Amino acid sequence: SYSTYFIVSRFISQTVNGKHAKIY
């Protein structure tokens, strides 16, 4: 679970043209 939270958190912090990566 903690590994998943880390990966997902680092994913949504990524930005393209100032917009955050999105999760569902």
PDBML (XML) file of the C-alpha atoms, coordinates in Angstrom:
<?xml version="1.0" encoding="UTF-8" ?>
<PDBx:datablock datablockName="MODEL"
   xmlns:PDBx="http://pdbml.pdb.org/schema/pdbx-v50.xsd"
   xmlns:xsi="http://www.w3.org/2001/XMLSchema-instance"
   xsi:schemaLocation="http://pdbml.pdb.org/schema/pdbx-v50.xsd pdbx-v50.xsd">
   <PDBx:atom_siteCategory>
      <PDBx:atom_site id="1">
         <PDBx:B_iso_or_equiv>0.00</PDBx:B_iso_or_equiv>
         <PDBx:Cartn_x>0.000</PDBx:Cartn_x>
         <PDBx:Cartn_y>0.000</PDBx:Cartn_y>
         <PDBx:Cartn_z>0.000</PDBx:Cartn_z>
         <PDBx:auth_asym_id>A</PDBx:auth_asym_id>
         <PDBx:auth_atom_id>CA</PDBx:auth_atom_id>
         <PDBx:auth_comp_id>SER</PDBx:auth_comp_id>
         <PDBx:auth_seq_id>1</PDBx:auth_seq_id>
         <PDBx:group_PDB>ATOM</PDBx:group_PDB>
         <PDBx:label_alt_id xsi:nil="true" />
         <PDBx:label_asym_id>A</PDBx:label_asym_id>
         <PDBx:label_atom_id>CA</PDBx:label_atom_id>
         <PDBx:label_comp_id>SER</PDBx:label_comp_id>
         <PDBx:label_entity_id>1</PDBx:label_entity_id>
         <PDBx:label_seq_id>1</PDBx:label_seq_id>
         <PDBx:occupancy>1.00</PDBx:occupancy>
         <PDBx:pdbx_PDB_model_num>1</PDBx:pdbx_PDB_model_num>
         <PDBx:type_symbol>C</PDBx:type_symbol>
      </PDBx:atom_site>
      <PDBx:atom_site id="2">
         <PDBx:B_iso_or_equiv>0.00</PDBx:B_iso_or_equiv>
         <PDBx:Cartn_x>2.713</PDBx:Cartn_x>
         <PDBx:Cartn_y>2.509</PDBx:Cartn_y>
         <PDBx:Cartn_z>0.966</PDBx:Cartn_z>
         <PDBx:auth_asym_id>A</PDBx:auth_asym_id>
         <PDBx:auth_atom_id>CA</PDBx:auth_atom_id>
         <PDBx:auth_comp_id>TYR</PDBx:auth_comp_id>
         <PDBx:auth_seq_id>2</PDBx:auth_seq_id>
         <PDBx:group_PDB>ATOM</PDBx:group_PDB>
         <PDBx:label_alt_id xsi:nil="true" />
         <PDBx:label_asym_id>A</PDBx:label_asym_id>
         <PDBx:label_atom_id>CA</PDBx:label_atom_id>
         <PDBx:label_comp_id>TYR</PDBx:label_comp_id>
         <PDBx:label_entity_id>1</PDBx:label_entity_id>
         <PDBx:label_seq_id>2</PDBx:label_seq_id>
         <PDBx:occupancy>1.00</PDBx:occupancy>
         <PDBx:pdbx_PDB_model_num>1</PDBx:pdbx_PDB_model_num>
         <PDBx:type_symbol>C</PDBx:type_symbol>
      </PDBx:atom_site>
      <PDBx:atom_site id="3">
         <PDBx:B_iso_or_equiv>0.00</PDBx:B_iso_or_equiv>
         <PDBx:Cartn_x>4.617</PDBx:Cartn_x>
         <PDBx:Cartn_y>1.746</PDBx:Cartn_y>
         <PDBx:Cartn_z>-2.231</PDBx:Cartn_z>
         <PDBx:auth_asym_id>A</PDBx:auth_asym_id>
         <PDBx:auth_atom_id>CA</PDBx:auth_atom_id>
         <PDBx:auth_comp_id>SER</PDBx:auth_comp_id>
         <PDBx:auth_seq_id>3</PDBx:auth_seq_id>
         <PDBx:group_PDB>ATOM</PDBx:group_PDB>
         <PDBx:label_alt_id xsi:nil="true" />
         <PDBx:label_asym_id>A</PDBx:label_asym_id>
         <PDBx:label_atom_id>CA</PDBx:label_atom_id>
         <PDBx:label_comp_id>SER</PDBx:label_comp_id>
         <PDBx:label_entity_id>1</PDBx:label_entity_id>
         <PDBx:label_seq_id>3</PDBx:label_seq_id>
         <PDBx:occupancy>1.00</PDBx:occupancy>
         <PDBx:pdbx_PDB_model_num>1</PDBx:pdbx_PDB_model_num>
         <PDBx:type_symbol>C</PDBx:type_symbol>
      </PDBx:atom_site>
      <PDBx:atom_site id="4">
         <PDBx:B_iso_or_equiv>0.00</PDBx:B_iso_or_equiv>
         <PDBx:Cartn_x>1.440</PDBx:Cartn_x>
         <PDBx:Cartn_y>2.343</PDBx:Cartn_y>
         <PDBx:Cartn_z>-4.223</PDBx:Cartn_z>
         <PDBx:auth_asym_id>A</PDBx:auth_asym_id>
         <PDBx:auth_atom_id>CA</PDBx:auth_atom_id>
         <PDBx:auth_comp_id>THR</PDBx:auth_comp_id>
         <PDBx:auth_seq_id>4</PDBx:auth_seq_id>
         <PDBx:group_PDB>ATOM</PDBx:group_PDB>
         <PDBx:label_alt_id xsi:nil="true" />
         <PDBx:label_asym_id>A</PDBx:label_asym_id>
         <PDBx:label_atom_id>CA</PDBx:label_atom_id>
         <PDBx:label_comp_id>THR</PDBx:label_comp_id>
         <PDBx:label_entity_id>1</PDBx:label_entity_id>
         <PDBx:label_seq_id>4</PDBx:label_seq_id>
         <PDBx:occupancy>1.00</PDBx:occupancy>
         <PDBx:pdbx_PDB_model_num>1</PDBx:pdbx_PDB_model_num>
         <PDBx:type_symbol>C</PDBx:type_symbol>
      </PDBx:atom_site>
      <PDBx:atom_site id="5">
         <PDBx:B_iso_or_equiv>0.00</PDBx:B_iso_or_equiv>
         <PDBx:Cartn_x>0.803</PDBx:Cartn_x>
         <PDBx:Cartn_y>5.653</PDBx:Cartn_y>
         <PDBx:Cartn_z>-2.426</PDBx:Cartn_z>
         <PDBx:auth_asym_id>A</PDBx:auth_asym_id>
         <PDBx:auth_atom_id>CA</PDBx:auth_atom_id>
         <PDBx:auth_comp_id>TYR</PDBx:auth_comp_id>
         <PDBx:auth_seq_id>5</PDBx:auth_seq_id>
         <PDBx:group_PDB>ATOM</PDBx:group_PDB>
         <PDBx:label_alt_id xsi:nil="true" />
         <PDBx:label_asym_id>A</PDBx:label_asym_id>
         <PDBx:label_atom_id>CA</PDBx:label_atom_id>
         <PDBx:label_comp_id>TYR</PDBx:label_comp_id>
         <PDBx:label_entity_id>1</PDBx:label_entity_id>
         <PDBx:label_seq_id>5</PDBx:label_seq_id>
         <PDBx:occupancy>1.00</PDBx:occupancy>
         <PDBx:pdbx_PDB_model_num>1</PDBx:pdbx_PDB_model_num>
         <PDBx:type_symbol>C</PDBx:type_symbol>
      </PDBx:atom_site>
      <PDBx:atom_site id="6">
         <PDBx:B_iso_or_equiv>0.00</PDBx:B_iso_or_equiv>
         <PDBx:Cartn_x>4.354</PDBx:Cartn_x>
         <PDBx:Cartn_y>6.799</PDBx:Cartn_y>
         <PDBx:Cartn_z>-3.174</PDBx:Cartn_z>
         <PDBx:auth_asym_id>A</PDBx:auth_asym_id>
         <PDBx:auth_atom_id>CA</PDBx:auth_atom_id>
         <PDBx:auth_comp_id>PHE</PDBx:auth_comp_id>
         <PDBx:auth_seq_id>6</PDBx:auth_seq_id>
         <PDBx:group_PDB>ATOM</PDBx:group_PDB>
         <PDBx:label_alt_id xsi:nil="true" />
         <PDBx:label_asym_id>A</PDBx:label_asym_id>
         <PDBx:label_atom_id>CA</PDBx:label_atom_id>
         <PDBx:label_comp_id>PHE</PDBx:label_comp_id>
         <PDBx:label_entity_id>1</PDBx:label_entity_id>
         <PDBx:label_seq_id>6</PDBx:label_seq_id>
         <PDBx:occupancy>1.00</PDBx:occupancy>
         <PDBx:pdbx_PDB_model_num>1</PDBx:pdbx_PDB_model_num>
         <PDBx:type_symbol>C</PDBx:type_symbol>
      </PDBx:atom_site>
      <PDBx:atom_site id="7">
         <PDBx:B_iso_or_equiv>0.00</PDBx:B_iso_or_equiv>
         <PDBx:Cartn_x>4.132</PDBx:Cartn_x>
         <PDBx:Cartn_y>5.950</PDBx:Cartn_y>
         <PDBx:Cartn_z>-6.883</PDBx:Cartn_z>
         <PDBx:auth_asym_id>A</PDBx:auth_asym_id>
         <PDBx:auth_atom_id>CA</PDBx:auth_atom_id>
         <PDBx:auth_comp_id>ILE</PDBx:auth_comp_id>
         <PDBx:auth_seq_id>7</PDBx:auth_seq_id>
         <PDBx:group_PDB>ATOM</PDBx:group_PDB>
         <PDBx:label_alt_id xsi:nil="true" />
         <PDBx:label_asym_id>A</PDBx:label_asym_id>
         <PDBx:label_atom_id>CA</PDBx:label_atom_id>
         <PDBx:label_comp_id>ILE</PDBx:label_comp_id>
         <PDBx:label_entity_id>1</PDBx:label_entity_id>
         <PDBx:label_seq_id>7</PDBx:label_seq_id>
         <PDBx:occupancy>1.00</PDBx:occupancy>
         <PDBx:pdbx_PDB_model_num>1</PDBx:pdbx_PDB_model_num>
         <PDBx:type_symbol>C</PDBx:type_symbol>
      </PDBx:atom_site>
      <PDBx:atom_site id="8">
         <PDBx:B_iso_or_equiv>0.00</PDBx:B_iso_or_equiv>
         <PDBx:Cartn_x>0.682</PDBx:Cartn_x>
         <PDBx:Cartn_y>7.511</PDBx:Cartn_y>
         <PDBx:Cartn_z>-7.286</PDBx:Cartn_z>
         <PDBx:auth_asym_id>A</PDBx:auth_asym_id>
         <PDBx:auth_atom_id>CA</PDBx:auth_atom_id>
         <PDBx:auth_comp_id>VAL</PDBx:auth_comp_id>
         <PDBx:auth_seq_id>8</PDBx:auth_seq_id>
         <PDBx:group_PDB>ATOM</PDBx:group_PDB>
         <PDBx:label_alt_id xsi:nil="true" />
         <PDBx:label_asym_id>A</PDBx:label_asym_id>
         <PDBx:label_atom_id>CA</PDBx:label_atom_id>
         <PDBx:label_comp_id>VAL</PDBx:label_comp_id>
         <PDBx:label_entity_id>1</PDBx:label_entity_id>
         <PDBx:label_seq_id>8</PDBx:label_seq_id>
         <PDBx:occupancy>1.00</PDBx:occupancy>
         <PDBx:pdbx_PDB_model_num>1</PDBx:pdbx_PDB_model_num>
         <PDBx:type_symbol>C</PDBx:type_symbol>
      </PDBx:atom_site>
      <PDBx:atom_site id="9">
         <PDBx:B_iso_or_equiv>0.00</PDBx:B_iso_or_equiv>
         <PDBx:Cartn_x>1.707</PDBx:Cartn_x>
         <PDBx:Cartn_y>10.649</PDBx:Cartn_y>
         <PDBx:Cartn_z>-5.366</PDBx:Cartn_z>
         <PDBx:auth_asym_id>A</PDBx:auth_asym_id>
         <PDBx:auth_atom_id>CA</PDBx:auth_atom_id>
         <PDBx:auth_comp_id>SER</PDBx:auth_comp_id>
         <PDBx:auth_seq_id>9</PDBx:auth_seq_id>
         <PDBx:group_PDB>ATOM</PDBx:group_PDB>
         <PDBx:label_alt_id xsi:nil="true" />
         <PDBx:label_asym_id>A</PDBx:label_asym_id>
         <PDBx:label_atom_id>CA</PDBx:label_atom_id>
         <PDBx:label_comp_id>SER</PDBx:label_comp_id>
         <PDBx:label_entity_id>1</PDBx:label_entity_id>
         <PDBx:label_seq_id>9</PDBx:label_seq_id>
         <PDBx:occupancy>1.00</PDBx:occupancy>
         <PDBx:pdbx_PDB_model_num>1</PDBx:pdbx_PDB_model_num>
         <PDBx:type_symbol>C</PDBx:type_symbol>
      </PDBx:atom_site>
      <PDBx:atom_site id="10">
         <PDBx:B_iso_or_equiv>0.00</PDBx:B_iso_or_equiv>
         <PDBx:Cartn_x>4.805</PDBx:Cartn_x>
         <PDBx:Cartn_y>11.076</PDBx:Cartn_y>
         <PDBx:Cartn_z>-7.529</PDBx:Cartn_z>
         <PDBx:auth_asym_id>A</PDBx:auth_asym_id>
         <PDBx:auth_atom_id>CA</PDBx:auth_atom_id>
         <PDBx:auth_comp_id>ARG</PDBx:auth_comp_id>
         <PDBx:auth_seq_id>10</PDBx:auth_seq_id>
         <PDBx:group_PDB>ATOM</PDBx:group_PDB>
         <PDBx:label_alt_id xsi:nil="true" />
         <PDBx:label_asym_id>A</PDBx:label_asym_id>
         <PDBx:label_atom_id>CA</PDBx:label_atom_id>
         <PDBx:label_comp_id>ARG</PDBx:label_comp_id>
         <PDBx:label_entity_id>1</PDBx:label_entity_id>
         <PDBx:label_seq_id>10</PDBx:label_seq_id>
         <PDBx:occupancy>1.00</PDBx:occupancy>
         <PDBx:pdbx_PDB_model_num>1</PDBx:pdbx_PDB_model_num>
         <PDBx:type_symbol>C</PDBx:type_symbol>
      </PDBx:atom_site>
      <PDBx:atom_site id="11">
         <PDBx:B_iso_or_equiv>0.00</PDBx:B_iso_or_equiv>
         <PDBx:Cartn_x>2.644</PDBx:Cartn_x>
         <PDBx:Cartn_y>10.532</PDBx:Cartn_y>
         <PDBx:Cartn_z>-10.596</PDBx:Cartn_z>
         <PDBx:auth_asym_id>A</PDBx:auth_asym_id>
         <PDBx:auth_atom_id>CA</PDBx:auth_atom_id>
         <PDBx:auth_comp_id>PHE</PDBx:auth_comp_id>
         <PDBx:auth_seq_id>11</PDBx:auth_seq_id>
         <PDBx:group_PDB>ATOM</PDBx:group_PDB>
         <PDBx:label_alt_id xsi:nil="true" />
         <PDBx:label_asym_id>A</PDBx:label_asym_id>
         <PDBx:label_atom_id>CA</PDBx:label_atom_id>
         <PDBx:label_comp_id>PHE</PDBx:label_comp_id>
         <PDBx:label_entity_id>1</PDBx:label_entity_id>
         <PDBx:label_seq_id>11</PDBx:label_seq_id>
         <PDBx:occupancy>1.00</PDBx:occupancy>
         <PDBx:pdbx_PDB_model_num>1</PDBx:pdbx_PDB_model_num>
         <PDBx:type_symbol>C</PDBx:type_symbol>
      </PDBx:atom_site>
      <PDBx:atom_site id="12">
         <PDBx:B_iso_or_equiv>0.00</PDBx:B_iso_or_equiv>
         <PDBx:Cartn_x>0.085</PDBx:Cartn_x>
         <PDBx:Cartn_y>13.228</PDBx:Cartn_y>
         <PDBx:Cartn_z>-9.803</PDBx:Cartn_z>
         <PDBx:auth_asym_id>A</PDBx:auth_asym_id>
         <PDBx:auth_atom_id>CA</PDBx:auth_atom_id>
         <PDBx:auth_comp_id>ILE</PDBx:auth_comp_id>
         <PDBx:auth_seq_id>12</PDBx:auth_seq_id>
         <PDBx:group_PDB>ATOM</PDBx:group_PDB>
         <PDBx:label_alt_id xsi:nil="true" />
         <PDBx:label_asym_id>A</PDBx:label_asym_id>
         <PDBx:label_atom_id>CA</PDBx:label_atom_id>
         <PDBx:label_comp_id>ILE</PDBx:label_comp_id>
         <PDBx:label_entity_id>1</PDBx:label_entity_id>
         <PDBx:label_seq_id>12</PDBx:label_seq_id>
         <PDBx:occupancy>1.00</PDBx:occupancy>
         <PDBx:pdbx_PDB_model_num>1</PDBx:pdbx_PDB_model_num>
         <PDBx:type_symbol>C</PDBx:type_symbol>
      </PDBx:atom_site>
      <PDBx:atom_site id="13">
         <PDBx:B_iso_or_equiv>0.00</PDBx:B_iso_or_equiv>
         <PDBx:Cartn_x>2.858</PDBx:Cartn_x>
         <PDBx:Cartn_y>15.708</PDBx:Cartn_y>
         <PDBx:Cartn_z>-8.973</PDBx:Cartn_z>
         <PDBx:auth_asym_id>A</PDBx:auth_asym_id>
         <PDBx:auth_atom_id>CA</PDBx:auth_atom_id>
         <PDBx:auth_comp_id>SER</PDBx:auth_comp_id>
         <PDBx:auth_seq_id>13</PDBx:auth_seq_id>
         <PDBx:group_PDB>ATOM</PDBx:group_PDB>
         <PDBx:label_alt_id xsi:nil="true" />
         <PDBx:label_asym_id>A</PDBx:label_asym_id>
         <PDBx:label_atom_id>CA</PDBx:label_atom_id>
         <PDBx:label_comp_id>SER</PDBx:label_comp_id>
         <PDBx:label_entity_id>1</PDBx:label_entity_id>
         <PDBx:label_seq_id>13</PDBx:label_seq_id>
         <PDBx:occupancy>1.00</PDBx:occupancy>
         <PDBx:pdbx_PDB_model_num>1</PDBx:pdbx_PDB_model_num>
         <PDBx:type_symbol>C</PDBx:type_symbol>
      </PDBx:atom_site>
      <PDBx:atom_site id="14">
         <PDBx:B_iso_or_equiv>0.00</PDBx:B_iso_or_equiv>
         <PDBx:Cartn_x>4.041</PDBx:Cartn_x>
         <PDBx:Cartn_y>15.506</PDBx:Cartn_y>
         <PDBx:Cartn_z>-12.608</PDBx:Cartn_z>
         <PDBx:auth_asym_id>A</PDBx:auth_asym_id>
         <PDBx:auth_atom_id>CA</PDBx:auth_atom_id>
         <PDBx:auth_comp_id>GLN</PDBx:auth_comp_id>
         <PDBx:auth_seq_id>14</PDBx:auth_seq_id>
         <PDBx:group_PDB>ATOM</PDBx:group_PDB>
         <PDBx:label_alt_id xsi:nil="true" />
         <PDBx:label_asym_id>A</PDBx:label_asym_id>
         <PDBx:label_atom_id>CA</PDBx:label_atom_id>
         <PDBx:label_comp_id>GLN</PDBx:label_comp_id>
         <PDBx:label_entity_id>1</PDBx:label_entity_id>
         <PDBx:label_seq_id>14</PDBx:label_seq_id>
         <PDBx:occupancy>1.00</PDBx:occupancy>
         <PDBx:pdbx_PDB_model_num>1</PDBx:pdbx_PDB_model_num>
         <PDBx:type_symbol>C</PDBx:type_symbol>
      </PDBx:atom_site>
      <PDBx:atom_site id="15">
         <PDBx:B_iso_or_equiv>0.00</PDBx:B_iso_or_equiv>
         <PDBx:Cartn_x>2.992</PDBx:Cartn_x>
         <PDBx:Cartn_y>18.490</PDBx:Cartn_y>
         <PDBx:Cartn_z>-14.694</PDBx:Cartn_z>
         <PDBx:auth_asym_id>A</PDBx:auth_asym_id>
         <PDBx:auth_atom_id>CA</PDBx:auth_atom_id>
         <PDBx:auth_comp_id>THR</PDBx:auth_comp_id>
         <PDBx:auth_seq_id>15</PDBx:auth_seq_id>
         <PDBx:group_PDB>ATOM</PDBx:group_PDB>
         <PDBx:label_alt_id xsi:nil="true" />
         <PDBx:label_asym_id>A</PDBx:label_asym_id>
         <PDBx:label_atom_id>CA</PDBx:label_atom_id>
         <PDBx:label_comp_id>THR</PDBx:label_comp_id>
         <PDBx:label_entity_id>1</PDBx:label_entity_id>
         <PDBx:label_seq_id>15</PDBx:label_seq_id>
         <PDBx:occupancy>1.00</PDBx:occupancy>
         <PDBx:pdbx_PDB_model_num>1</PDBx:pdbx_PDB_model_num>
         <PDBx:type_symbol>C</PDBx:type_symbol>
      </PDBx:atom_site>
      <PDBx:atom_site id="16">
         <PDBx:B_iso_or_equiv>0.00</PDBx:B_iso_or_equiv>
         <PDBx:Cartn_x>2.636</PDBx:Cartn_x>
         <PDBx:Cartn_y>19.215</PDBx:Cartn_y>
         <PDBx:Cartn_z>-18.407</PDBx:Cartn_z>
         <PDBx:auth_asym_id>A</PDBx:auth_asym_id>
         <PDBx:auth_atom_id>CA</PDBx:auth_atom_id>
         <PDBx:auth_comp_id>VAL</PDBx:auth_comp_id>
         <PDBx:auth_seq_id>16</PDBx:auth_seq_id>
         <PDBx:group_PDB>ATOM</PDBx:group_PDB>
         <PDBx:label_alt_id xsi:nil="true" />
         <PDBx:label_asym_id>A</PDBx:label_asym_id>
         <PDBx:label_atom_id>CA</PDBx:label_atom_id>
         <PDBx:label_comp_id>VAL</PDBx:label_comp_id>
         <PDBx:label_entity_id>1</PDBx:label_entity_id>
         <PDBx:label_seq_id>16</PDBx:label_seq_id>
         <PDBx:occupancy>1.00</PDBx:occupancy>
         <PDBx:pdbx_PDB_model_num>1</PDBx:pdbx_PDB_model_num>
         <PDBx:type_symbol>C</PDBx:type_symbol>
      </PDBx:atom_site>
      <PDBx:atom_site id="17">
         <PDBx:B_iso_or_equiv>0.00</PDBx:B_iso_or_equiv>
         <PDBx:Cartn_x>2.163</PDBx:Cartn_x>
         <PDBx:Cartn_y>22.865</PDBx:Cartn_y>
         <PDBx:Cartn_z>-19.356</PDBx:Cartn_z>
         <PDBx:auth_asym_id>A</PDBx:auth_asym_id>
         <PDBx:auth_atom_id>CA</PDBx:auth_atom_id>
         <PDBx:auth_comp_id>ASN</PDBx:auth_comp_id>
         <PDBx:auth_seq_id>17</PDBx:auth_seq_id>
         <PDBx:group_PDB>ATOM</PDBx:group_PDB>
         <PDBx:label_alt_id xsi:nil="true" />
         <PDBx:label_asym_id>A</PDBx:label_asym_id>
         <PDBx:label_atom_id>CA</PDBx:label_atom_id>
         <PDBx:label_comp_id>ASN</PDBx:label_comp_id>
         <PDBx:label_entity_id>1</PDBx:label_entity_id>
         <PDBx:label_seq_id>17</PDBx:label_seq_id>
         <PDBx:occupancy>1.00</PDBx:occupancy>
         <PDBx:pdbx_PDB_model_num>1</PDBx:pdbx_PDB_model_num>
         <PDBx:type_symbol>C</PDBx:type_symbol>
      </PDBx:atom_site>
      <PDBx:atom_site id="18">
         <PDBx:B_iso_or_equiv>0.00</PDBx:B_iso_or_equiv>
         <PDBx:Cartn_x>1.443</PDBx:Cartn_x>
         <PDBx:Cartn_y>23.616</PDBx:Cartn_y>
         <PDBx:Cartn_z>-15.711</PDBx:Cartn_z>
         <PDBx:auth_asym_id>A</PDBx:auth_asym_id>
         <PDBx:auth_atom_id>CA</PDBx:auth_atom_id>
         <PDBx:auth_comp_id>GLY</PDBx:auth_comp_id>
         <PDBx:auth_seq_id>18</PDBx:auth_seq_id>
         <PDBx:group_PDB>ATOM</PDBx:group_PDB>
         <PDBx:label_alt_id xsi:nil="true" />
         <PDBx:label_asym_id>A</PDBx:label_asym_id>
         <PDBx:label_atom_id>CA</PDBx:label_atom_id>
         <PDBx:label_comp_id>GLY</PDBx:label_comp_id>
         <PDBx:label_entity_id>1</PDBx:label_entity_id>
         <PDBx:label_seq_id>18</PDBx:label_seq_id>
         <PDBx:occupancy>1.00</PDBx:occupancy>
         <PDBx:pdbx_PDB_model_num>1</PDBx:pdbx_PDB_model_num>
         <PDBx:type_symbol>C</PDBx:type_symbol>
      </PDBx:atom_site>
      <PDBx:atom_site id="19">
         <PDBx:B_iso_or_equiv>0.00</PDBx:B_iso_or_equiv>
         <PDBx:Cartn_x>-1.345</PDBx:Cartn_x>
         <PDBx:Cartn_y>21.013</PDBx:Cartn_y>
         <PDBx:Cartn_z>-15.439</PDBx:Cartn_z>
         <PDBx:auth_asym_id>A</PDBx:auth_asym_id>
         <PDBx:auth_atom_id>CA</PDBx:auth_atom_id>
         <PDBx:auth_comp_id>LYS</PDBx:auth_comp_id>
         <PDBx:auth_seq_id>19</PDBx:auth_seq_id>
         <PDBx:group_PDB>ATOM</PDBx:group_PDB>
         <PDBx:label_alt_id xsi:nil="true" />
         <PDBx:label_asym_id>A</PDBx:label_asym_id>
         <PDBx:label_atom_id>CA</PDBx:label_atom_id>
         <PDBx:label_comp_id>LYS</PDBx:label_comp_id>
         <PDBx:label_entity_id>1</PDBx:label_entity_id>
         <PDBx:label_seq_id>19</PDBx:label_seq_id>
         <PDBx:occupancy>1.00</PDBx:occupancy>
         <PDBx:pdbx_PDB_model_num>1</PDBx:pdbx_PDB_model_num>
         <PDBx:type_symbol>C</PDBx:type_symbol>
      </PDBx:atom_site>
      <PDBx:atom_site id="20">
         <PDBx:B_iso_or_equiv>0.00</PDBx:B_iso_or_equiv>
         <PDBx:Cartn_x>-1.065</PDBx:Cartn_x>
         <PDBx:Cartn_y>18.085</PDBx:Cartn_y>
         <PDBx:Cartn_z>-13.041</PDBx:Cartn_z>
         <PDBx:auth_asym_id>A</PDBx:auth_asym_id>
         <PDBx:auth_atom_id>CA</PDBx:auth_atom_id>
         <PDBx:auth_comp_id>HIS</PDBx:auth_comp_id>
         <PDBx:auth_seq_id>20</PDBx:auth_seq_id>
         <PDBx:group_PDB>ATOM</PDBx:group_PDB>
         <PDBx:label_alt_id xsi:nil="true" />
         <PDBx:label_asym_id>A</PDBx:label_asym_id>
         <PDBx:label_atom_id>CA</PDBx:label_atom_id>
         <PDBx:label_comp_id>HIS</PDBx:label_comp_id>
         <PDBx:label_entity_id>1</PDBx:label_entity_id>
         <PDBx:label_seq_id>20</PDBx:label_seq_id>
         <PDBx:occupancy>1.00</PDBx:occupancy>
         <PDBx:pdbx_PDB_model_num>1</PDBx:pdbx_PDB_model_num>
         <PDBx:type_symbol>C</PDBx:type_symbol>
      </PDBx:atom_site>
      <PDBx:atom_site id="21">
         <PDBx:B_iso_or_equiv>0.00</PDBx:B_iso_or_equiv>
         <PDBx:Cartn_x>-1.201</PDBx:Cartn_x>
         <PDBx:Cartn_y>14.483</PDBx:Cartn_y>
         <PDBx:Cartn_z>-14.136</PDBx:Cartn_z>
         <PDBx:auth_asym_id>A</PDBx:auth_asym_id>
         <PDBx:auth_atom_id>CA</PDBx:auth_atom_id>
         <PDBx:auth_comp_id>ALA</PDBx:auth_comp_id>
         <PDBx:auth_seq_id>21</PDBx:auth_seq_id>
         <PDBx:group_PDB>ATOM</PDBx:group_PDB>
         <PDBx:label_alt_id xsi:nil="true" />
         <PDBx:label_asym_id>A</PDBx:label_asym_id>
         <PDBx:label_atom_id>CA</PDBx:label_atom_id>
         <PDBx:label_comp_id>ALA</PDBx:label_comp_id>
         <PDBx:label_entity_id>1</PDBx:label_entity_id>
         <PDBx:label_seq_id>21</PDBx:label_seq_id>
         <PDBx:occupancy>1.00</PDBx:occupancy>
         <PDBx:pdbx_PDB_model_num>1</PDBx:pdbx_PDB_model_num>
         <PDBx:type_symbol>C</PDBx:type_symbol>
      </PDBx:atom_site>
      <PDBx:atom_site id="22">
         <PDBx:B_iso_or_equiv>0.00</PDBx:B_iso_or_equiv>
         <PDBx:Cartn_x>-4.647</PDBx:Cartn_x>
         <PDBx:Cartn_y>13.100</PDBx:Cartn_y>
         <PDBx:Cartn_z>-13.332</PDBx:Cartn_z>
         <PDBx:auth_asym_id>A</PDBx:auth_asym_id>
         <PDBx:auth_atom_id>CA</PDBx:auth_atom_id>
         <PDBx:auth_comp_id>LYS</PDBx:auth_comp_id>
         <PDBx:auth_seq_id>22</PDBx:auth_seq_id>
         <PDBx:group_PDB>ATOM</PDBx:group_PDB>
         <PDBx:label_alt_id xsi:nil="true" />
         <PDBx:label_asym_id>A</PDBx:label_asym_id>
         <PDBx:label_atom_id>CA</PDBx:label_atom_id>
         <PDBx:label_comp_id>LYS</PDBx:label_comp_id>
         <PDBx:label_entity_id>1</PDBx:label_entity_id>
         <PDBx:label_seq_id>22</PDBx:label_seq_id>
         <PDBx:occupancy>1.00</PDBx:occupancy>
         <PDBx:pdbx_PDB_model_num>1</PDBx:pdbx_PDB_model_num>
         <PDBx:type_symbol>C</PDBx:type_symbol>
      </PDBx:atom_site>
      <PDBx:atom_site id="23">
         <PDBx:B_iso_or_equiv>0.00</PDBx:B_iso_or_equiv>
         <PDBx:Cartn_x>-5.790</PDBx:Cartn_x>
         <PDBx:Cartn_y>9.916</PDBx:Cartn_y>
         <PDBx:Cartn_z>-11.654</PDBx:Cartn_z>
         <PDBx:auth_asym_id>A</PDBx:auth_asym_id>
         <PDBx:auth_atom_id>CA</PDBx:auth_atom_id>
         <PDBx:auth_comp_id>ILE</PDBx:auth_comp_id>
         <PDBx:auth_seq_id>23</PDBx:auth_seq_id>
         <PDBx:group_PDB>ATOM</PDBx:group_PDB>
         <PDBx:label_alt_id xsi:nil="true" />
         <PDBx:label_asym_id>A</PDBx:label_asym_id>
         <PDBx:label_atom_id>CA</PDBx:label_atom_id>
         <PDBx:label_comp_id>ILE</PDBx:label_comp_id>
         <PDBx:label_entity_id>1</PDBx:label_entity_id>
         <PDBx:label_seq_id>23</PDBx:label_seq_id>
         <PDBx:occupancy>1.00</PDBx:occupancy>
         <PDBx:pdbx_PDB_model_num>1</PDBx:pdbx_PDB_model_num>
         <PDBx:type_symbol>C</PDBx:type_symbol>
      </PDBx:atom_site>
      <PDBx:atom_site id="24">
         <PDBx:B_iso_or_equiv>0.00</PDBx:B_iso_or_equiv>
         <PDBx:Cartn_x>-9.059</PDBx:Cartn_x>
         <PDBx:Cartn_y>8.010</PDBx:Cartn_y>
         <PDBx:Cartn_z>-11.605</PDBx:Cartn_z>
         <PDBx:auth_asym_id>A</PDBx:auth_asym_id>
         <PDBx:auth_atom_id>CA</PDBx:auth_atom_id>
         <PDBx:auth_comp_id>TYR</PDBx:auth_comp_id>
         <PDBx:auth_seq_id>24</PDBx:auth_seq_id>
         <PDBx:group_PDB>ATOM</PDBx:group_PDB>
         <PDBx:label_alt_id xsi:nil="true" />
         <PDBx:label_asym_id>A</PDBx:label_asym_id>
         <PDBx:label_atom_id>CA</PDBx:label_atom_id>
         <PDBx:label_comp_id>TYR</PDBx:label_comp_id>
         <PDBx:label_entity_id>1</PDBx:label_entity_id>
         <PDBx:label_seq_id>24</PDBx:label_seq_id>
         <PDBx:occupancy>1.00</PDBx:occupancy>
         <PDBx:pdbx_PDB_model_num>1</PDBx:pdbx_PDB_model_num>
         <PDBx:type_symbol>C</PDBx:type_symbol>
      </PDBx:atom_site>
   </PDBx:atom_siteCategory>
</PDBx:datablock>
